[in-house]
Amino acid sequence: MSMAELMRVVVGLPAQQQNELAAFLLHLRLQHDATWRTEMTRRIDDKDSARWVSLENWKAELASDSQP
């Protein structure tokens, strides 16, 4: 399948499936990013709850980052 064909198929997908595909592609890209993996491992292993981010704060940060 060519890239053009693949892109036509993706355009025809419902938004939810496009979101799932985007997440999957990001996951593939990040698998090859050693710096990102190191940082995420450091954050996950952080025992100091003062540096933890709540789900609500994280969602608010994501929303503010996506604003123009």
Protein backbone atom coordinates (compact mmCIF):
# COMPACT_ATOMS: atom_id res chain seq x y z
CA MET A 1 0.00 0.00 0.00
CA SER A 2 1.38 3.40 -0.92
CA MET A 3 1.55 6.33 1.49
CA ALA A 4 -1.15 8.12 -0.53
CA GLU A 5 -3.46 5.09 -0.22
CA LEU A 6 -2.76 4.82 3.48
CA MET A 7 -3.52 8.51 3.98
CA ARG A 8 -6.83 8.16 2.09
CA VAL A 9 -7.82 5.26 4.35
CA VAL A 10 -6.92 7.22 7.48
CA VAL A 11 -8.94 10.24 6.35
CA GLY A 12 -11.96 7.95 6.07
CA LEU A 13 -11.65 6.62 9.61
CA PRO A 14 -13.90 7.88 12.39
CA ALA A 15 -12.26 10.39 14.75
CA GLN A 16 -11.90 7.82 17.54
CA GLN A 17 -9.98 5.44 15.29
CA GLN A 18 -7.81 8.30 14.02
CA ASN A 19 -7.02 9.14 17.66
CA GLU A 20 -6.10 5.52 18.37
CA LEU A 21 -3.89 5.42 15.29
CA ALA A 22 -2.19 8.69 16.28
CA ALA A 23 -1.50 7.30 19.76
CA PHE A 24 -0.09 4.12 18.28
CA LEU A 25 2.18 6.02 15.89
CA LEU A 26 3.40 8.24 18.73
CA HIS A 27 4.11 5.12 20.78
CA LEU A 28 6.18 3.69 17.90
CA ARG A 29 8.12 6.93 17.51
CA LEU A 30 8.84 7.23 21.24
CA GLN A 31 10.09 3.64 21.44
CA HIS A 32 13.12 4.83 19.47
CA ASP A 33 13.73 7.96 21.56
CA ALA A 34 16.18 7.02 24.30
CA THR A 35 16.03 10.48 25.90
CA TRP A 36 12.25 10.33 26.25
CA ARG A 37 12.37 6.78 27.66
CA THR A 38 15.01 7.80 30.20
CA GLU A 39 12.97 10.82 31.32
CA MET A 40 9.72 8.85 31.60
CA THR A 41 11.48 6.12 33.60
CA ARG A 42 12.92 8.76 35.93
CA ARG A 43 9.50 10.33 36.44
CA ILE A 44 7.72 7.02 37.00
CA ASP A 45 10.35 5.92 39.51
CA ASP A 46 10.25 9.26 41.40
CA LYS A 47 9.27 8.51 45.01
CA ASP A 48 8.80 12.17 46.00
CA SER A 49 5.07 12.85 45.82
CA ALA A 50 5.75 16.61 45.82
CA ARG A 51 6.85 16.25 42.19
CA TRP A 52 3.93 14.07 41.12
CA VAL A 53 1.29 15.49 38.80
CA SER A 54 -2.37 14.72 39.36
CA LEU A 55 -4.45 13.49 36.46
CA GLU A 56 -6.55 16.65 36.60
CA ASN A 57 -3.49 18.92 36.47
CA TRP A 58 -2.01 16.88 33.65
CA LYS A 59 -5.23 17.15 31.62
CA ALA A 60 -5.36 20.90 32.27
CA GLU A 61 -1.74 21.23 31.14
CA LEU A 62 -2.48 19.27 27.97
CA ALA A 63 -5.51 21.46 27.26
CA SER A 64 -3.53 24.66 27.74
CA ASP A 65 -0.73 23.37 25.51
CA SER A 66 -3.19 22.71 22.70
CA GLN A 67 -4.61 26.27 22.81
CA PRO A 68 -3.33 28.57 20.04
